[in-house]
Amino acid sequence: MDGGGGDGTMRLGALNLRPDRSGLELGQDVSVSSPVTRQKAAAAKQFIENHYKNYLQGLQDRKERRQALQRRAQEARVSNEEQEEMMRNLERRETEYMRLQRRKIGIDDFEQLTVIGKGAFGEVRLCRAKSTGEIFAMKKLKKSEMLSRGQVEHVRSERNLLAEVDSRCIVKLFYSFQDSDFLYLIMEYLPGGDIMTLLMREDILSEDVARFYIAESILAIHSIHQHSYVHRDIKPDNLILDKNGHLKLSDFGLCKPLDDKYSTILLENEDISNQEGAIDAEGHSVSDRAPWSMPKEKLQQWKRNRRALAYSTVGTLDYMAPEVLLKKGYGMECDWWSLGAIMYEMLLGYPPFCSDDPRITCRKIINWKTCLKFPEEPKISNEARDLICHLLCDVETRLGTGGVDELKAHPWFRCIQWDALYEMEAAYTPTVNGDLDTQNFEKFPDLEGPPSTIPSVGPWRKMLTSKDTNFIGFTFKKSDVLESLESSGADVKSNVSSKAPSLISLLGQIDLQEDVVPNGDQTLEA
């Protein structure tokens, strides 16, 4: 068998495989391809890049974990034999973790239970992991709806933030995956319901209860700001309570990453409100310049329609900052405006600019200087009023613009122990009877019947459609096999004494950092 010649000829026996370029003109572009082909090529490129990025990151993470464990063992002055055993144990756990990371997770791994929420693009329901019996909340989104309504980047933003940010103040994401028709987010189930449900039950909250939940909301919002994300959809529906009554932030479909905390988002054609009818920059045509006072019958109608509005494509603008409505540049400060509107509603029973006409709501928000009014009843403290006024104001003077410490230092929070907030008893304890209790959520009829099972198809045994390539890299997996190393480092040092701790006690104190890769376990399959 001959090799290749210098002229580009390949010879295999008597077969001449010289490339035939006779029909091509010099300089002619032969890379013509269809848009679908280019899209598939771009998707494959992204997949390969993510795969090797995650592979190299995994190697680096394992190296750092090994070095950290060696340092801790040396600080604890254990014997060489114990160190070797600890390293072997670490390797076993690393191997188990990699095995779990490679295992595919799909809809067939979960038993689908009660529907607890419905939205414009999908639903949320309880589910049970078949292997462990654990209860989760499953967010199920229809791909075709996400594509047709331009929501692809929104669901990507939600998945990316949940995969990146690990905070006790936000709902945890355990898995994300997809099939040919749906996207799935498997999250922790918080059975306490949301703040909107609490407000609909109680009408108003006492200042002590409101103070507690506004404080926890500040910590939750700050936790995503620290990762350079702006939420853009802070509202009572997205503040969820766990079984003990502590608050967690959820629903990150409108979140946006910023280059840094001082960056701003410039809106061009983006419409995050989906509202019909334009508003002018000056907010003209405000029909009622009198002090704000919602008639009782209108207030009751607004409350009846409030929950239905949350599930619609229109949504609610009651908590949106004026700089967002005006489609100007804005940054993280818009989330603090939203928190001010929520605080107003907690203490007074309704948002400060609400109306049964969303266009009027928009105009009132833009004209907040004349439309922000406080009713005579119910009465609130001067400190509470002052905080609201320093949240519902211009960006330049808004508390939080200069950092979260501005908010923490406000006199209304004088009695708040910020570092111990999530360790203390919550201001309100929801009624929860068991892991499957859904009494704190609305009842929804399950009209679809038993979910169908669609056979999975391997990534290289089918053609990728446009629908599939939009969601490459969506898959994510969070494992509890490797736990936080940093949180236990101080414990090891503090327990070092003249007598070295035993292997069992040392390993009981040393946890291993969770290897959460932003793009998780990725495949090209839908």
Protein backbone atom coordinates (compact mmCIF):
# COMPACT_ATOMS: atom_id res chain seq x y z
CA MET A 1 0.00 0.00 0.00
CA ASP A 2 1.46 3.31 -1.09
CA GLY A 3 1.40 6.41 0.99
CA GLY A 4 0.40 9.88 -0.07
CA GLY A 5 2.45 11.87 -2.52
CA GLY A 6 3.55 15.42 -2.25
CA ASP A 7 0.97 16.41 -4.86
CA GLY A 8 -1.95 15.55 -2.60
CA THR A 9 -2.54 12.14 -4.25
CA MET A 10 -3.57 9.18 -2.06
CA ARG A 11 -2.99 5.73 -3.56
CA LEU A 12 -4.75 2.64 -2.26
CA GLY A 13 -3.62 -0.20 -4.51
CA ALA A 14 -4.53 0.88 -8.04
CA LEU A 15 -7.20 3.29 -6.87
CA ASN A 16 -6.37 6.94 -7.42
CA LEU A 17 -8.01 9.18 -4.84
CA ARG A 18 -6.57 12.46 -6.12
CA PRO A 19 -9.08 15.21 -5.26
CA ASP A 20 -10.84 16.37 -8.43
CA ARG A 21 -10.71 20.16 -8.52
CA SER A 22 -11.20 20.52 -12.26
CA GLY A 23 -14.68 22.03 -11.88
CA LEU A 24 -13.65 24.69 -9.36
CA GLU A 25 -12.45 28.12 -10.24
CA LEU A 26 -9.61 29.69 -8.36
CA GLY A 27 -10.89 31.41 -5.21
CA GLN A 28 -14.37 29.88 -5.47
CA ASP A 29 -16.12 29.44 -2.10
CA VAL A 30 -16.97 25.76 -1.59
CA SER A 31 -18.28 26.16 1.98
CA VAL A 32 -21.88 26.85 1.00
CA SER A 33 -24.26 25.32 3.54
CA SER A 34 -27.86 25.71 4.58
CA PRO A 35 -28.88 27.67 7.71
CA VAL A 36 -29.89 24.40 9.38
CA THR A 37 -26.46 22.90 8.72
CA ARG A 38 -24.73 25.98 10.10
CA GLN A 39 -26.95 25.89 13.17
CA LYS A 40 -26.11 22.24 13.79
CA ALA A 41 -22.41 22.95 13.33
CA ALA A 42 -22.59 25.80 15.83
CA ALA A 43 -24.45 23.57 18.30
CA ALA A 44 -21.86 20.80 17.92
CA LYS A 45 -19.06 23.33 18.42
CA GLN A 46 -20.71 24.60 21.60
CA PHE A 47 -21.20 21.06 22.87
CA ILE A 48 -17.55 20.12 22.29
CA GLU A 49 -16.26 23.32 23.86
CA ASN A 50 -18.45 22.88 26.93
CA HIS A 51 -17.49 19.22 27.23
CA TYR A 52 -13.75 19.91 27.36
CA LYS A 53 -14.18 23.01 29.48
CA ASN A 54 -16.07 20.96 32.06
CA TYR A 55 -13.60 18.09 31.78
CA LEU A 56 -10.61 20.33 32.48
CA GLN A 57 -12.49 22.12 35.25
CA GLY A 58 -13.29 18.76 36.82
CA LEU A 59 -9.60 17.78 36.81
CA GLN A 60 -8.68 21.07 38.46
CA ASP A 61 -11.43 20.73 41.07
CA ARG A 62 -10.35 17.21 41.98
CA LYS A 63 -6.74 18.37 42.30
CA GLU A 64 -7.76 21.22 44.60
CA ARG A 65 -9.92 18.92 46.74
CA ARG A 66 -7.04 16.50 47.18
CA GLN A 67 -4.65 19.31 48.13
CA ALA A 68 -7.18 20.76 50.56
CA LEU A 69 -7.72 17.41 52.25
CA GLN A 70 -3.95 16.93 52.55
CA ARG A 71 -3.62 20.34 54.20
CA ARG A 72 -6.41 19.59 56.65
CA ALA A 73 -4.91 16.24 57.50
CA GLN A 74 -1.52 17.83 58.16
CA GLU A 75 -3.09 20.52 60.33
CA ALA A 76 -4.87 17.81 62.31
CA ARG A 77 -1.55 15.90 62.63
CA VAL A 78 -2.85 12.48 61.66
CA SER A 79 -0.48 9.60 60.94
CA ASN A 80 0.79 8.72 57.47
CA GLU A 81 -1.33 5.57 57.46
CA GLU A 82 -4.45 7.55 58.25
CA GLN A 83 -3.60 10.11 55.58
CA GLU A 84 -3.25 7.35 53.00
CA GLU A 85 -6.59 5.88 54.03
CA MET A 86 -8.21 9.31 53.80
CA MET A 87 -6.82 9.74 50.28
CA ARG A 88 -8.15 6.32 49.25
CA ASN A 89 -11.54 7.21 50.70
CA LEU A 90 -11.46 10.49 48.78
CA GLU A 91 -10.69 8.67 45.53
CA ARG A 92 -13.58 6.26 46.13
CA ARG A 93 -15.96 9.15 46.65
CA GLU A 94 -14.62 10.96 43.60
CA THR A 95 -15.16 7.84 41.51
CA GLU A 96 -18.70 7.47 42.82
CA TYR A 97 -19.38 11.12 42.07
CA MET A 98 -18.14 10.79 38.47
CA ARG A 99 -20.27 7.69 38.02
CA LEU A 100 -23.34 9.58 39.17
CA GLN A 101 -22.47 12.52 36.93
CA ARG A 102 -22.36 10.23 33.89
CA ARG A 103 -25.72 8.64 34.66
CA LYS A 104 -28.49 10.10 32.53
CA ILE A 105 -31.44 11.61 34.37
CA GLY A 106 -34.81 11.79 32.65
CA ILE A 107 -38.52 12.09 33.21
CA ASP A 108 -38.82 8.33 33.74
CA ASP A 109 -36.79 8.70 36.95
CA PHE A 110 -39.64 10.64 38.58
CA GLU A 111 -43.23 9.91 39.49
CA GLN A 112 -45.32 12.95 38.59
CA LEU A 113 -47.82 14.00 41.28
CA THR A 114 -50.03 17.02 42.07
CA VAL A 115 -50.00 20.20 39.98
CA ILE A 116 -49.21 23.17 42.25
CA GLY A 117 -48.77 25.92 39.67
CA LYS A 118 -49.58 26.81 36.09
CA GLY A 119 -48.12 29.52 33.89
CA ALA A 120 -48.16 30.77 30.34
CA PHE A 121 -45.42 28.37 29.25
CA GLY A 122 -45.88 25.31 31.43
CA GLU A 123 -46.65 24.01 34.89
CA VAL A 124 -45.13 23.15 38.24
CA ARG A 125 -46.02 19.89 39.95
CA LEU A 126 -44.84 17.73 42.78
CA CYS A 127 -42.78 14.72 41.80
CA ARG A 128 -41.15 11.82 43.61
CA ALA A 129 -37.74 10.38 42.73
CA LYS A 130 -38.33 6.69 42.06
CA SER A 131 -34.89 5.67 43.34
CA THR A 132 -34.95 7.49 46.70
CA GLY A 133 -38.55 8.57 47.32
CA GLU A 134 -37.47 12.21 47.72
CA ILE A 135 -40.07 14.87 46.90
CA PHE A 136 -39.22 17.68 44.50
CA ALA A 137 -40.98 20.42 42.56
CA MET A 138 -40.84 19.84 38.80
CA LYS A 139 -41.07 22.83 36.49
CA LYS A 140 -42.12 21.62 33.04
CA LEU A 141 -41.86 23.98 30.06
CA LYS A 142 -42.99 23.29 26.50
CA LYS A 143 -40.18 23.88 24.01
CA SER A 144 -42.43 24.97 21.16
CA GLU A 145 -44.00 27.66 23.36
CA MET A 146 -40.61 28.87 24.55
CA LEU A 147 -39.44 29.21 20.95
CA SER A 148 -42.58 30.79 19.49
CA ARG A 149 -42.78 33.39 22.27
CA GLY A 150 -39.07 34.21 22.39
CA GLN A 151 -38.46 32.75 25.84
CA VAL A 152 -35.34 30.68 25.09
CA GLU A 153 -32.92 33.13 26.69
CA HIS A 154 -35.19 33.51 29.71
CA VAL A 155 -35.22 29.80 30.52
CA ARG A 156 -31.47 29.64 29.90
CA SER A 157 -30.96 32.51 32.34
CA GLU A 158 -33.00 30.75 35.00
CA ARG A 159 -31.14 27.49 34.58
CA ASN A 160 -27.73 29.19 34.55
CA LEU A 161 -28.37 31.23 37.68
CA LEU A 162 -29.72 28.27 39.63
CA ALA A 163 -26.72 26.17 38.58
CA GLU A 164 -24.24 28.90 39.49
CA VAL A 165 -25.61 30.36 42.72
CA ASP A 166 -25.67 28.12 45.77
CA SER A 167 -27.40 30.03 48.56
CA ARG A 168 -29.79 29.11 51.33
CA CYS A 169 -31.79 32.20 50.32
CA ILE A 170 -32.83 30.92 46.89
CA VAL A 171 -34.62 27.77 45.77
CA LYS A 172 -32.18 24.96 44.96
CA LEU A 173 -31.92 23.30 41.57
CA PHE A 174 -31.05 19.60 41.65
CA TYR A 175 -31.45 18.57 38.02
CA SER A 176 -32.32 20.03 34.66
CA PHE A 177 -32.90 17.92 31.57
CA GLN A 178 -35.02 17.75 28.44
CA ASP A 179 -36.84 15.44 26.06
CA SER A 180 -38.08 16.07 22.54
CA ASP A 181 -40.94 18.33 23.67
CA PHE A 182 -40.25 19.68 27.15
CA LEU A 183 -37.64 21.25 29.40
CA TYR A 184 -37.57 20.14 33.04
CA LEU A 185 -36.21 21.84 36.16
CA ILE A 186 -36.19 19.63 39.27
CA MET A 187 -36.06 21.90 42.32
CA GLU A 188 -36.56 21.66 46.04
CA TYR A 189 -40.19 21.70 47.12
CA LEU A 190 -41.07 24.51 49.52
CA PRO A 191 -44.46 23.59 51.03
CA GLY A 192 -45.11 26.85 52.88
CA GLY A 193 -46.62 28.62 49.87
CA ASP A 194 -45.67 32.07 48.63
CA ILE A 195 -45.95 35.52 50.16
CA MET A 196 -48.86 36.34 47.85
CA THR A 197 -50.85 33.47 49.38
CA LEU A 198 -49.99 34.78 52.85
CA LEU A 199 -51.11 38.30 51.90
CA MET A 200 -54.38 37.04 50.42
CA ARG A 201 -55.09 35.22 53.69
CA GLU A 202 -54.02 37.96 56.09
CA ASP A 203 -54.74 41.14 54.05
CA ILE A 204 -51.93 42.96 55.87
CA LEU A 205 -48.97 41.87 57.99
CA SER A 206 -47.80 43.33 61.26
CA GLU A 207 -44.61 45.36 61.08
CA ASP A 208 -42.72 42.62 62.94
CA VAL A 209 -43.72 39.95 60.42
CA ALA A 210 -43.16 42.27 57.46
CA ARG A 211 -39.77 43.32 58.83
CA PHE A 212 -38.64 39.69 59.08
CA TYR A 213 -39.61 38.83 55.52
CA ILE A 214 -38.32 42.06 54.00
CA ALA A 215 -35.00 41.37 55.76
CA GLU A 216 -34.84 37.81 54.38
CA SER A 217 -35.77 39.18 50.96
CA ILE A 218 -32.85 41.59 51.16
CA LEU A 219 -30.46 38.71 51.83
CA ALA A 220 -31.98 36.70 48.97
CA ILE A 221 -31.76 39.54 46.46
CA HIS A 222 -28.23 40.37 47.58
CA SER A 223 -27.19 36.73 47.06
CA ILE A 224 -27.89 36.98 43.32
CA HIS A 225 -26.51 40.52 43.05
CA GLN A 226 -23.24 39.16 44.42
CA HIS A 227 -23.08 36.93 41.35
CA SER A 228 -23.76 39.93 39.08
CA TYR A 229 -27.36 39.02 38.25
CA VAL A 230 -30.36 41.32 38.36
CA HIS A 231 -33.66 39.51 39.03
CA ARG A 232 -36.09 41.99 37.37
CA ASP A 233 -39.21 40.16 38.59
CA ILE A 234 -39.26 40.56 42.37
CA LYS A 235 -42.87 40.14 43.50
CA PRO A 236 -44.76 38.31 46.28
CA ASP A 237 -45.45 35.34 43.99
CA ASN A 238 -41.70 34.67 43.73
CA LEU A 239 -40.99 34.75 47.47
CA ILE A 240 -41.60 31.19 48.68
CA LEU A 241 -41.71 29.85 52.25
CA ASP A 242 -40.21 26.56 53.37
CA LYS A 243 -41.92 24.32 55.91
CA ASN A 244 -40.42 26.35 58.77
CA GLY A 245 -41.55 29.70 57.36
CA HIS A 246 -38.20 30.93 56.06
CA LEU A 247 -38.20 32.73 52.73
CA LYS A 248 -36.45 31.77 49.50
CA LEU A 249 -36.36 33.60 46.19
CA SER A 250 -37.56 31.76 43.07
CA ASP A 251 -38.48 32.19 39.39
CA PHE A 252 -35.41 33.58 37.65
CA GLY A 253 -36.82 33.59 34.12
CA LEU A 254 -36.29 37.35 33.73
CA CYS A 255 -32.91 37.54 35.44
CA LYS A 256 -30.02 39.05 33.50
CA PRO A 257 -26.27 38.72 34.06
CA LEU A 258 -24.29 41.95 34.34
CA ASP A 259 -20.57 42.36 33.75
CA ASP A 260 -20.28 43.91 37.19
CA LYS A 261 -22.58 45.38 39.81
CA TYR A 262 -22.25 48.85 38.30
CA SER A 263 -23.30 47.77 34.81
CA THR A 264 -26.67 48.65 33.35
CA ILE A 265 -29.01 46.86 30.98
CA LEU A 266 -30.00 48.83 27.91
CA LEU A 267 -33.37 47.75 26.59
CA GLU A 268 -33.88 47.94 22.86
CA ASN A 269 -36.67 45.75 21.53
CA GLU A 270 -36.99 43.62 24.64
CA ASP A 271 -40.44 43.61 26.21
CA ILE A 272 -40.29 41.95 29.60
CA SER A 273 -43.80 42.96 30.54
CA ASN A 274 -45.71 41.73 27.46
CA GLN A 275 -48.13 44.59 28.03
CA GLU A 276 -50.24 45.98 25.22
CA GLY A 277 -50.26 49.70 24.66
CA ALA A 278 -47.23 51.96 24.68
CA ILE A 279 -46.53 54.55 27.34
CA ASP A 280 -44.68 57.77 26.78
CA ALA A 281 -41.53 58.72 28.61
CA GLU A 282 -43.26 61.50 30.51
CA GLY A 283 -46.11 59.25 31.60
CA HIS A 284 -48.83 61.66 30.51
CA SER A 285 -52.57 60.97 30.67
CA VAL A 286 -52.73 60.12 34.34
CA SER A 287 -56.43 60.55 34.82
CA ASP A 288 -56.52 60.89 38.57
CA ARG A 289 -54.19 63.34 40.29
CA ALA A 290 -55.98 63.05 43.62
CA PRO A 291 -54.30 61.29 46.57
CA TRP A 292 -54.22 57.56 46.01
CA SER A 293 -57.08 55.73 47.67
CA MET A 294 -58.44 52.48 46.25
CA PRO A 295 -62.19 51.99 46.83
CA LYS A 296 -63.00 48.88 48.82
CA GLU A 297 -64.92 47.18 46.02
CA LYS A 298 -62.07 47.80 43.54
CA LEU A 299 -59.57 46.46 46.05
CA GLN A 300 -61.55 43.23 46.40
CA GLN A 301 -61.79 42.89 42.62
CA TRP A 302 -58.06 43.46 42.28
CA LYS A 303 -57.35 40.75 44.84
CA ARG A 304 -59.66 38.31 43.06
CA ASN A 305 -57.89 38.91 39.76
CA ARG A 306 -54.40 39.05 41.24
CA ARG A 307 -53.58 35.35 41.16
CA ALA A 308 -55.01 34.78 37.70
CA LEU A 309 -52.85 37.64 36.45
CA ALA A 310 -49.74 35.95 37.82
CA TYR A 311 -50.34 32.92 35.59
CA SER A 312 -51.06 34.88 32.41
CA THR A 313 -48.70 35.96 29.65
CA VAL A 314 -49.42 39.57 30.56
CA GLY A 315 -48.16 39.38 34.12
CA THR A 316 -48.30 42.23 36.61
CA LEU A 317 -46.44 45.53 36.49
CA ASP A 318 -47.23 46.58 40.06
CA TYR A 319 -43.69 45.96 41.29
CA MET A 320 -41.70 47.14 38.26
CA ALA A 321 -39.34 50.10 38.58
CA PRO A 322 -39.95 53.21 36.44
CA GLU A 323 -36.56 52.97 34.75
CA VAL A 324 -37.53 49.49 33.52
CA LEU A 325 -40.91 50.63 32.20
CA LEU A 326 -39.30 53.57 30.42
CA LYS A 327 -36.87 51.15 28.73
CA LYS A 328 -33.87 53.15 29.81
CA GLY A 329 -30.62 51.71 31.05
CA TYR A 330 -31.02 50.18 34.49
CA GLY A 331 -29.13 47.97 36.90
CA MET A 332 -29.55 46.02 40.10
CA GLU A 333 -31.26 48.97 41.79
CA CYS A 334 -34.54 48.06 40.06
CA ASP A 335 -34.85 45.05 42.38
CA TRP A 336 -34.84 47.32 45.44
CA TRP A 337 -37.71 49.37 44.00
CA SER A 338 -39.69 46.14 43.66
CA LEU A 339 -38.96 45.29 47.28
CA GLY A 340 -40.27 48.70 48.33
CA ALA A 341 -43.55 48.03 46.50
CA ILE A 342 -43.84 44.65 48.25
CA MET A 343 -43.22 46.24 51.65
CA TYR A 344 -45.96 48.79 50.93
CA GLU A 345 -48.37 45.97 50.07
CA MET A 346 -47.44 43.97 53.17
CA LEU A 347 -48.23 46.88 55.48
CA LEU A 348 -51.11 48.57 53.65
CA GLY A 349 -52.88 45.74 51.81
CA TYR A 350 -52.25 46.60 48.15
CA PRO A 351 -49.34 47.73 45.93
CA PRO A 352 -48.72 51.49 45.84
CA PHE A 353 -49.65 51.99 42.17
CA CYS A 354 -52.14 49.20 41.46
CA SER A 355 -55.08 49.66 39.13
CA ASP A 356 -57.43 47.41 37.19
CA ASP A 357 -55.97 48.98 34.03
CA PRO A 358 -52.27 48.12 33.52
CA ARG A 359 -51.73 51.27 31.47
CA ILE A 360 -52.80 53.39 34.40
CA THR A 361 -50.47 51.38 36.64
CA CYS A 362 -47.61 52.18 34.26
CA ARG A 363 -48.39 55.87 34.29
CA LYS A 364 -48.67 55.99 38.06
CA ILE A 365 -45.29 54.29 38.48
CA ILE A 366 -43.64 56.72 36.07
CA ASN A 367 -45.30 59.62 37.90
CA TRP A 368 -44.46 58.17 41.31
CA LYS A 369 -43.52 61.58 42.73
CA THR A 370 -47.17 62.66 42.59
CA CYS A 371 -48.86 59.25 42.79
CA LEU A 372 -47.10 57.69 45.79
CA LYS A 373 -49.56 58.24 48.64
CA PHE A 374 -50.05 56.71 52.07
CA PRO A 375 -53.63 56.21 53.35
CA GLU A 376 -54.60 57.26 56.85
CA GLU A 377 -55.49 53.66 57.70
CA PRO A 378 -53.88 51.33 58.48
CA LYS A 379 -51.27 53.35 60.31
CA ILE A 380 -47.61 52.49 59.91
CA SER A 381 -44.54 53.72 61.77
CA ASN A 382 -42.54 56.70 60.56
CA GLU A 383 -39.51 54.46 60.11
CA ALA A 384 -41.47 52.07 57.87
CA ARG A 385 -42.77 54.98 55.80
CA ASP A 386 -39.25 56.40 55.51
CA LEU A 387 -37.84 53.10 54.26
CA ILE A 388 -40.59 52.75 51.64
CA CYS A 389 -39.94 56.31 50.45
CA HIS A 390 -36.22 55.58 50.16
CA LEU A 391 -36.93 52.50 48.02
CA LEU A 392 -39.66 53.98 45.80
CA CYS A 393 -37.58 56.90 44.58
CA ASP A 394 -35.01 57.94 41.99
CA VAL A 395 -32.14 55.53 41.40
CA GLU A 396 -29.57 58.06 42.60
CA THR A 397 -31.12 58.30 46.07
CA ARG A 398 -32.54 54.78 46.30
CA LEU A 399 -31.28 52.71 49.23
CA GLY A 400 -29.25 49.76 47.98
CA THR A 401 -27.74 51.66 45.05
CA GLY A 402 -24.59 52.12 47.13
CA GLY A 403 -24.62 48.56 48.46
CA VAL A 404 -26.73 46.31 50.64
CA ASP A 405 -25.29 47.78 53.85
CA GLU A 406 -27.31 50.95 53.19
CA LEU A 407 -30.47 48.89 53.62
CA LYS A 408 -29.25 46.94 56.62
CA ALA A 409 -28.37 50.16 58.42
CA HIS A 410 -31.87 51.64 58.15
CA PRO A 411 -33.48 52.24 61.58
CA TRP A 412 -36.48 50.04 60.73
CA PHE A 413 -34.11 47.04 60.85
CA ARG A 414 -32.55 48.07 64.15
CA CYS A 415 -33.51 44.82 65.89
CA ILE A 416 -32.61 42.47 63.01
CA GLN A 417 -29.71 40.07 63.57
CA TRP A 418 -28.65 39.70 59.97
CA ASP A 419 -26.13 36.89 60.43
CA ALA A 420 -28.57 34.74 62.41
CA LEU A 421 -31.76 35.45 60.48
CA TYR A 422 -32.05 32.01 58.90
CA GLU A 423 -31.13 30.24 62.14
CA MET A 424 -33.83 31.85 64.27
CA GLU A 425 -37.51 30.96 64.37
CA ALA A 426 -39.43 32.47 61.47
CA ALA A 427 -42.00 35.20 62.05
CA TYR A 428 -44.72 32.98 60.61
CA THR A 429 -44.97 29.19 60.59
CA PRO A 430 -47.12 27.73 57.81
CA THR A 431 -49.29 24.69 58.40
CA VAL A 432 -47.63 21.73 56.68
CA ASN A 433 -48.80 18.16 57.17
CA GLY A 434 -46.26 15.86 55.57
CA ASP A 435 -43.99 15.95 52.53
CA LEU A 436 -46.87 15.83 50.02
CA ASP A 437 -48.99 18.56 51.62
CA THR A 438 -50.07 21.18 49.06
CA GLN A 439 -52.65 23.08 51.12
CA ASN A 440 -50.62 26.30 50.83
CA PHE A 441 -50.94 26.27 47.04
CA GLU A 442 -53.92 26.72 44.77
CA LYS A 443 -55.78 23.67 43.51
CA PHE A 444 -55.41 22.98 39.81
CA PRO A 445 -57.33 20.39 37.80
CA ASP A 446 -55.01 17.89 36.13
CA LEU A 447 -56.58 17.95 32.68
CA GLU A 448 -53.76 16.20 30.83
CA GLY A 449 -54.18 12.83 32.49
CA PRO A 450 -51.27 10.45 33.16
CA PRO A 451 -48.05 11.72 31.58
CA SER A 452 -46.97 9.78 28.53
CA THR A 453 -43.60 8.13 28.30
CA ILE A 454 -41.62 8.87 25.14
CA PRO A 455 -38.76 6.49 24.30
CA SER A 456 -35.44 8.26 24.47
CA VAL A 457 -33.21 8.39 21.43
CA GLY A 458 -29.42 8.47 21.53
CA PRO A 459 -27.64 11.70 20.62
CA TRP A 460 -26.08 10.40 17.41
CA ARG A 461 -29.02 8.30 16.22
CA LYS A 462 -31.28 11.16 15.20
CA MET A 463 -31.04 14.47 13.42
CA LEU A 464 -31.08 17.58 15.54
CA THR A 465 -33.94 19.92 14.83
CA SER A 466 -33.84 23.68 15.29
CA LYS A 467 -35.89 23.19 18.45
CA ASP A 468 -33.22 20.92 19.92
CA THR A 469 -30.16 23.02 19.07
CA ASN A 470 -31.59 25.99 20.98
CA PHE A 471 -31.35 24.04 24.23
CA ILE A 472 -27.88 22.47 23.97
CA GLY A 473 -26.18 22.59 27.37
CA PHE A 474 -29.44 22.76 29.33
CA THR A 475 -28.74 19.57 31.29
CA PHE A 476 -27.47 19.97 34.87
CA LYS A 477 -26.95 17.59 37.76
CA LYS A 478 -26.28 18.43 41.41
CA SER A 479 -25.01 15.62 43.60
CA ASP A 480 -25.00 15.42 47.39
CA VAL A 481 -22.16 12.88 47.36
CA LEU A 482 -19.61 15.70 47.58
CA GLU A 483 -20.52 18.36 50.11
CA SER A 484 -19.02 21.70 51.07
CA LEU A 485 -15.36 21.56 52.04
CA GLU A 486 -14.95 25.19 52.99
CA SER A 487 -17.74 25.21 55.56
CA SER A 488 -15.95 22.59 57.64
CA GLY A 489 -12.37 23.84 57.48
CA ALA A 490 -12.69 25.87 60.65
CA ASP A 491 -14.23 22.90 62.46
CA VAL A 492 -11.17 20.75 61.76
CA LYS A 493 -8.79 23.40 63.04
CA SER A 494 -10.82 24.10 66.15
CA ASN A 495 -10.90 20.42 67.07
CA VAL A 496 -7.13 19.92 66.85
CA SER A 497 -5.77 19.02 70.27
CA SER A 498 -2.63 17.43 71.69
CA LYS A 499 -4.10 14.11 70.70
CA ALA A 500 -4.69 13.73 66.98
CA PRO A 501 -8.32 12.99 66.11
CA SER A 502 -9.16 9.53 64.89
CA LEU A 503 -9.72 8.80 61.24
CA ILE A 504 -13.46 8.43 61.80
CA SER A 505 -13.85 11.73 63.63
CA LEU A 506 -11.69 13.58 61.09
CA LEU A 507 -13.59 12.28 58.09
CA GLY A 508 -16.80 13.10 59.89
CA GLN A 509 -15.71 16.72 60.01
CA ILE A 510 -14.23 17.00 56.52
CA ASP A 511 -16.71 17.30 53.70
CA LEU A 512 -15.85 17.55 50.05
CA GLN A 513 -16.79 20.43 47.83
CA GLU A 514 -19.60 19.83 45.46
CA ASP A 515 -18.39 19.73 41.88
CA VAL A 516 -21.11 21.87 40.35
CA VAL A 517 -20.16 22.75 36.78
CA PRO A 518 -22.15 25.63 35.31
CA ASN A 519 -23.11 23.63 32.23
CA GLY A 520 -23.46 20.34 34.08
CA ASP A 521 -23.69 16.98 32.35
CA GLN A 522 -24.41 17.88 28.76
CA THR A 523 -25.63 15.86 25.82
CA LEU A 524 -26.69 16.66 22.31
CA GLU A 525 -29.95 14.83 22.69
CA ALA A 526 -33.15 16.72 23.22
